[in-house]
Amino acid sequence: MAQHVWSVLCREPIIDRATNNLSLVGVLEEVQVEIACSKGTEPPELPVTTMTIHVVSYWVRALREKGAVESLRARIHSPARKLLGTIVHQFSMVDHARARNVLTARALPLADAGRYTVEVQQPAGKARWRTVARLPLDVTISTRERDTETPNPSPAPACRSPTPPTTRPRTPGRRAQVAR
């Protein structure tokens, strides 16, 4: 059975073709979302969809252990603990003693500010999963009035008085899509 070593959230994982070394660009601990709107209008309705995030995960097996096809699952939860998406991925450790996995969540829906959580899990028997990592991602959402002096090709909703964001909980191979 594969052993989870580490998992990290990032904006862009880069694998060097010559050395097979991994670089993690933009490791994510916090995301600040700013919504620009025109004066006098309401901010757009939430949820907003934001950037793509990658869950990069590293697994090993004992050198003398026979390799197998392994599974992992990543689950993304909102600050209110609502399940936003699940990614299930299989990877082979038959010919390798270690494996690096990159799971991709495109257009993460953000409905509130707070702490989003990504759980990395591995199978623990029939239809059961064991959590091996919980990755927090703190999200702040704010509005600002768009500068009317600056030309903008796309009209934006106007802002009424900005309200302070509410606090929410913070929320890696082959690439996989979020299943909804």
C-alpha atoms as a PDB file:
ATOM      1  CA  MET A   1       0.000   0.000   0.000  1.00  0.00           C
ATOM      2  CA  ALA A   2       1.247   3.470  -0.870  1.00  0.00           C
ATOM      3  CA  GLN A   3       2.186   5.818   1.938  1.00  0.00           C
ATOM      4  CA  HIS A   4       1.281   9.500   1.659  1.00  0.00           C
ATOM      5  CA  VAL A   5       4.323  11.744   2.221  1.00  0.00           C
ATOM      6  CA  TRP A   6       3.027  15.269   1.515  1.00  0.00           C
ATOM      7  CA  SER A   7       0.421  17.321  -0.348  1.00  0.00           C
ATOM      8  CA  VAL A   8       0.447  21.006  -1.295  1.00  0.00           C
ATOM      9  CA  LEU A   9      -1.964  23.436  -3.003  1.00  0.00           C
ATOM     10  CA  CYS A  10      -0.394  25.591  -5.726  1.00  0.00           C
ATOM     11  CA  ARG A  11      -1.202  27.685  -8.787  1.00  0.00           C
ATOM     12  CA  GLU A  12       1.223  25.921 -11.137  1.00  0.00           C
ATOM     13  CA  PRO A  13       3.308  22.754 -10.782  1.00  0.00           C
ATOM     14  CA  ILE A  14       6.209  22.535 -13.235  1.00  0.00           C
ATOM     15  CA  ILE A  15       8.030  19.272 -13.967  1.00  0.00           C
ATOM     16  CA  ASP A  16      11.419  19.697 -15.631  1.00  0.00           C
ATOM     17  CA  ARG A  17      11.611  17.262 -18.575  1.00  0.00           C
ATOM     18  CA  ALA A  18      15.391  16.858 -18.349  1.00  0.00           C
ATOM     19  CA  THR A  19      15.662  16.154 -14.615  1.00  0.00           C
ATOM     20  CA  ASN A  20      12.072  15.191 -13.650  1.00  0.00           C
ATOM     21  CA  ASN A  21      12.367  17.657 -10.763  1.00  0.00           C
ATOM     22  CA  LEU A  22       9.211  19.376  -9.566  1.00  0.00           C
ATOM     23  CA  SER A  23       8.822  23.107  -8.954  1.00  0.00           C
ATOM     24  CA  LEU A  24       5.723  24.437  -7.232  1.00  0.00           C
ATOM     25  CA  VAL A  25       4.837  27.973  -8.304  1.00  0.00           C
ATOM     26  CA  GLY A  26       2.473  30.011  -6.174  1.00  0.00           C
ATOM     27  CA  VAL A  27       1.969  27.741  -3.180  1.00  0.00           C
ATOM     28  CA  LEU A  28      -1.492  28.608  -1.904  1.00  0.00           C
ATOM     29  CA  GLU A  29      -2.299  29.394   1.699  1.00  0.00           C
ATOM     30  CA  GLU A  30      -4.532  32.393   1.106  1.00  0.00           C
ATOM     31  CA  VAL A  31      -6.454  33.850  -1.842  1.00  0.00           C
ATOM     32  CA  GLN A  32      -7.714  37.417  -1.972  1.00  0.00           C
ATOM     33  CA  VAL A  33     -10.588  38.015  -4.388  1.00  0.00           C
ATOM     34  CA  GLU A  34     -11.436  41.605  -5.270  1.00  0.00           C
ATOM     35  CA  ILE A  35     -14.669  42.317  -7.127  1.00  0.00           C
ATOM     36  CA  ALA A  36     -14.704  45.607  -9.051  1.00  0.00           C
ATOM     37  CA  CYS A  37     -18.063  47.234  -9.745  1.00  0.00           C
ATOM     38  CA  SER A  38     -19.383  50.601 -10.891  1.00  0.00           C
ATOM     39  CA  LYS A  39     -20.537  53.234  -8.448  1.00  0.00           C
ATOM     40  CA  GLY A  40     -24.122  52.857  -7.244  1.00  0.00           C
ATOM     41  CA  THR A  41     -24.725  49.246  -8.244  1.00  0.00           C
ATOM     42  CA  GLU A  42     -24.817  46.003  -6.305  1.00  0.00           C
ATOM     43  CA  PRO A  43     -21.802  43.701  -6.411  1.00  0.00           C
ATOM     44  CA  PRO A  44     -22.321  40.552  -8.491  1.00  0.00           C
ATOM     45  CA  GLU A  45     -23.992  37.586  -6.878  1.00  0.00           C
ATOM     46  CA  LEU A  46     -21.809  34.946  -5.311  1.00  0.00           C
ATOM     47  CA  PRO A  47     -20.506  32.362  -5.928  1.00  0.00           C
ATOM     48  CA  VAL A  48     -17.743  33.611  -8.126  1.00  0.00           C
ATOM     49  CA  THR A  49     -15.472  31.186  -9.887  1.00  0.00           C
ATOM     50  CA  THR A  50     -11.827  31.901  -9.594  1.00  0.00           C
ATOM     51  CA  MET A  51      -8.511  30.421 -10.605  1.00  0.00           C
ATOM     52  CA  THR A  52      -7.464  26.873 -11.202  1.00  0.00           C
ATOM     53  CA  ILE A  53      -5.791  25.207  -8.237  1.00  0.00           C
ATOM     54  CA  HIS A  54      -3.599  22.108  -8.242  1.00  0.00           C
ATOM     55  CA  VAL A  55      -3.325  19.554  -5.455  1.00  0.00           C
ATOM     56  CA  VAL A  56       0.193  18.120  -5.700  1.00  0.00           C
ATOM     57  CA  SER A  57       0.740  14.913  -3.755  1.00  0.00           C
ATOM     58  CA  TYR A  58       3.779  12.673  -3.208  1.00  0.00           C
ATOM     59  CA  TRP A  59       3.493   8.950  -2.351  1.00  0.00           C
ATOM     60  CA  VAL A  60       6.032   6.169  -1.676  1.00  0.00           C
ATOM     61  CA  ARG A  61       6.022   2.411  -1.130  1.00  0.00           C
ATOM     62  CA  ALA A  62       8.556   0.183   0.599  1.00  0.00           C
ATOM     63  CA  LEU A  63      11.301  -0.855  -1.841  1.00  0.00           C
ATOM     64  CA  ARG A  64      10.673  -4.554  -1.168  1.00  0.00           C
ATOM     65  CA  GLU A  65       6.916  -4.207  -1.328  1.00  0.00           C
ATOM     66  CA  LYS A  66       5.221  -5.315  -4.534  1.00  0.00           C
ATOM     67  CA  GLY A  67       3.743  -2.329  -6.360  1.00  0.00           C
ATOM     68  CA  ALA A  68       0.077  -1.970  -7.192  1.00  0.00           C
ATOM     69  CA  VAL A  69      -2.388   0.406  -8.776  1.00  0.00           C
ATOM     70  CA  GLU A  70      -3.323   2.865  -6.047  1.00  0.00           C
ATOM     71  CA  SER A  71      -6.136   5.388  -5.666  1.00  0.00           C
ATOM     72  CA  LEU A  72      -6.444   8.780  -4.106  1.00  0.00           C
ATOM     73  CA  ARG A  73      -9.303  11.188  -3.684  1.00  0.00           C
ATOM     74  CA  ALA A  74      -9.354  14.941  -3.089  1.00  0.00           C
ATOM     75  CA  ARG A  75     -12.490  16.585  -1.718  1.00  0.00           C
ATOM     76  CA  ILE A  76     -12.976  20.352  -1.611  1.00  0.00           C
ATOM     77  CA  HIS A  77     -15.172  21.771   1.168  1.00  0.00           C
ATOM     78  CA  SER A  78     -16.514  25.291   1.670  1.00  0.00           C
ATOM     79  CA  PRO A  79     -16.152  27.112   4.988  1.00  0.00           C
ATOM     80  CA  ALA A  80     -19.641  25.855   5.835  1.00  0.00           C
ATOM     81  CA  ARG A  81     -18.338  22.271   5.193  1.00  0.00           C
ATOM     82  CA  LYS A  82     -20.428  21.938   2.012  1.00  0.00           C
ATOM     83  CA  LEU A  83     -18.791  19.553  -0.457  1.00  0.00           C
ATOM     84  CA  LEU A  84     -17.905  21.568  -3.592  1.00  0.00           C
ATOM     85  CA  GLY A  85     -16.206  18.874  -5.630  1.00  0.00           C
ATOM     86  CA  THR A  86     -14.437  15.527  -5.632  1.00  0.00           C
ATOM     87  CA  ILE A  87     -11.515  14.291  -7.704  1.00  0.00           C
ATOM     88  CA  VAL A  88     -10.766  10.546  -7.760  1.00  0.00           C
ATOM     89  CA  HIS A  89      -7.515   9.433  -9.356  1.00  0.00           C
ATOM     90  CA  GLN A  90      -5.732   6.103  -9.865  1.00  0.00           C
ATOM     91  CA  PHE A  91      -1.977   5.850 -10.239  1.00  0.00           C
ATOM     92  CA  SER A  92       0.428   2.938 -10.727  1.00  0.00           C
ATOM     93  CA  MET A  93       3.236   2.086  -8.354  1.00  0.00           C
ATOM     94  CA  VAL A  94       3.908  -1.266 -10.042  1.00  0.00           C
ATOM     95  CA  ASP A  95       7.204  -0.181 -11.636  1.00  0.00           C
ATOM     96  CA  HIS A  96       8.056   2.693  -9.306  1.00  0.00           C
ATOM     97  CA  ALA A  97       8.760   3.074  -5.603  1.00  0.00           C
ATOM     98  CA  ARG A  98       7.401   6.629  -5.581  1.00  0.00           C
ATOM     99  CA  ALA A  99       4.688   8.607  -7.331  1.00  0.00           C
ATOM    100  CA  ARG A 100       3.900  12.262  -7.757  1.00  0.00           C
ATOM    101  CA  ASN A 101       0.300  13.179  -8.574  1.00  0.00           C
ATOM    102  CA  VAL A 102      -1.136  16.473  -9.776  1.00  0.00           C
ATOM    103  CA  LEU A 103      -4.894  16.869  -9.443  1.00  0.00           C
ATOM    104  CA  THR A 104      -6.466  19.935 -11.034  1.00  0.00           C
ATOM    105  CA  ALA A 105      -9.576  21.786  -9.879  1.00  0.00           C
ATOM    106  CA  ARG A 106     -10.644  24.282 -12.533  1.00  0.00           C
ATOM    107  CA  ALA A 107     -12.836  27.289 -11.703  1.00  0.00           C
ATOM    108  CA  LEU A 108     -13.088  26.865  -7.943  1.00  0.00           C
ATOM    109  CA  PRO A 109     -16.505  28.239  -6.851  1.00  0.00           C
ATOM    110  CA  LEU A 110     -16.212  30.749  -4.006  1.00  0.00           C
ATOM    111  CA  ALA A 111     -19.493  31.592  -2.324  1.00  0.00           C
ATOM    112  CA  ASP A 112     -18.111  33.070   0.878  1.00  0.00           C
ATOM    113  CA  ALA A 113     -14.952  34.262   2.476  1.00  0.00           C
ATOM    114  CA  GLY A 114     -13.392  31.943   5.034  1.00  0.00           C
ATOM    115  CA  ARG A 115     -11.377  28.746   5.260  1.00  0.00           C
ATOM    116  CA  TYR A 116     -11.881  26.229   2.465  1.00  0.00           C
ATOM    117  CA  THR A 117     -10.435  22.758   3.031  1.00  0.00           C
ATOM    118  CA  VAL A 118      -9.039  20.206   0.580  1.00  0.00           C
ATOM    119  CA  GLU A 119      -8.939  16.695   2.017  1.00  0.00           C
ATOM    120  CA  VAL A 120      -6.545  14.183   0.426  1.00  0.00           C
ATOM    121  CA  GLN A 121      -7.718  10.619   1.038  1.00  0.00           C
ATOM    122  CA  GLN A 122      -6.734   7.039   0.248  1.00  0.00           C
ATOM    123  CA  PRO A 123      -8.895   3.890   0.326  1.00  0.00           C
ATOM    124  CA  ALA A 124      -9.375   2.234   3.697  1.00  0.00           C
ATOM    125  CA  GLY A 125     -11.409  -0.844   2.827  1.00  0.00           C
ATOM    126  CA  LYS A 126     -14.643  -1.323   0.920  1.00  0.00           C
ATOM    127  CA  ALA A 127     -16.214   2.053   0.041  1.00  0.00           C
ATOM    128  CA  ARG A 128     -14.278   3.772   2.842  1.00  0.00           C
ATOM    129  CA  TRP A 129     -11.627   6.465   2.621  1.00  0.00           C
ATOM    130  CA  ARG A 130      -9.010   7.601   5.143  1.00  0.00           C
ATOM    131  CA  THR A 131      -7.952  11.258   5.224  1.00  0.00           C
ATOM    132  CA  VAL A 132      -4.152  11.576   4.968  1.00  0.00           C
ATOM    133  CA  ALA A 133      -3.951  15.391   4.635  1.00  0.00           C
ATOM    134  CA  ARG A 134      -6.156  18.430   5.213  1.00  0.00           C
ATOM    135  CA  LEU A 135      -5.025  21.488   3.256  1.00  0.00           C
ATOM    136  CA  PRO A 136      -6.461  24.854   4.334  1.00  0.00           C
ATOM    137  CA  LEU A 137      -7.050  27.717   1.889  1.00  0.00           C
ATOM    138  CA  ASP A 138      -8.107  31.034   3.431  1.00  0.00           C
ATOM    139  CA  VAL A 139     -10.242  33.174   1.124  1.00  0.00           C
ATOM    140  CA  THR A 140     -11.057  36.849   1.533  1.00  0.00           C
ATOM    141  CA  ILE A 141     -13.578  38.547  -0.745  1.00  0.00           C
ATOM    142  CA  SER A 142     -13.870  42.320  -1.033  1.00  0.00           C
ATOM    143  CA  THR A 143     -15.494  44.807  -3.380  1.00  0.00           C
ATOM    144  CA  ARG A 144     -14.084  48.038  -4.718  1.00  0.00           C
ATOM    145  CA  GLU A 145     -15.523  50.796  -6.810  1.00  0.00           C
ATOM    146  CA  ARG A 146     -14.203  50.757 -10.365  1.00  0.00           C
ATOM    147  CA  ASP A 147     -12.241  53.831 -11.377  1.00  0.00           C
ATOM    148  CA  THR A 148     -14.475  55.659 -13.861  1.00  0.00           C
ATOM    149  CA  GLU A 149     -11.472  57.500 -15.310  1.00  0.00           C
ATOM    150  CA  THR A 150      -9.968  54.263 -16.633  1.00  0.00           C
ATOM    151  CA  PRO A 151     -11.601  52.968 -19.797  1.00  0.00           C
ATOM    152  CA  ASN A 152     -12.911  49.453 -19.435  1.00  0.00           C
ATOM    153  CA  PRO A 153     -14.099  47.378 -22.399  1.00  0.00           C
ATOM    154  CA  SER A 154     -16.619  45.407 -20.323  1.00  0.00           C
ATOM    155  CA  PRO A 155     -19.222  47.166 -18.198  1.00  0.00           C
ATOM    156  CA  ALA A 156     -19.256  46.154 -14.554  1.00  0.00           C
ATOM    157  CA  PRO A 157     -21.991  46.269 -12.006  1.00  0.00           C
ATOM    158  CA  ALA A 158     -21.894  49.295  -9.772  1.00  0.00           C
ATOM    159  CA  CYS A 159     -21.071  49.154  -6.085  1.00  0.00           C
ATOM    160  CA  ARG A 160     -23.170  50.245  -3.201  1.00  0.00           C
ATOM    161  CA  SER A 161     -21.374  50.761   0.033  1.00  0.00           C
ATOM    162  CA  PRO A 162     -18.925  47.898   0.358  1.00  0.00           C
ATOM    163  CA  THR A 163     -19.642  45.438   3.108  1.00  0.00           C
ATOM    164  CA  PRO A 164     -16.828  43.767   4.975  1.00  0.00           C
ATOM    165  CA  PRO A 165     -16.250  40.174   3.903  1.00  0.00           C
ATOM    166  CA  THR A 166     -17.474  37.423   6.173  1.00  0.00           C
ATOM    167  CA  THR A 167     -14.951  34.981   7.512  1.00  0.00           C
ATOM    168  CA  ARG A 168     -14.874  31.474   5.997  1.00  0.00           C
ATOM    169  CA  PRO A 169     -12.576  28.494   6.485  1.00  0.00           C
ATOM    170  CA  ARG A 170      -9.504  28.110   4.242  1.00  0.00           C
ATOM    171  CA  THR A 171      -9.692  25.471   1.760  1.00  0.00           C
ATOM    172  CA  PRO A 172      -0.757  16.990  -6.883  1.00  0.00           C
ATOM    173  CA  GLY A 173       1.419  12.655 -11.437  1.00  0.00           C
ATOM    174  CA  ARG A 174      -1.378  13.132 -13.748  1.00  0.00           C
ATOM    175  CA  ARG A 175      -4.017  15.773 -14.015  1.00  0.00           C
ATOM    176  CA  ALA A 176      -7.653  15.107 -13.190  1.00  0.00           C
ATOM    177  CA  GLN A 177     -10.781  17.277 -13.398  1.00  0.00           C
ATOM    178  CA  VAL A 178     -13.131  18.079 -10.545  1.00  0.00           C
ATOM    179  CA  ALA A 179     -16.259  15.953 -10.774  1.00  0.00           C
ATOM    180  CA  ARG A 180     -19.474  17.606  -9.655  1.00  0.00           C
END
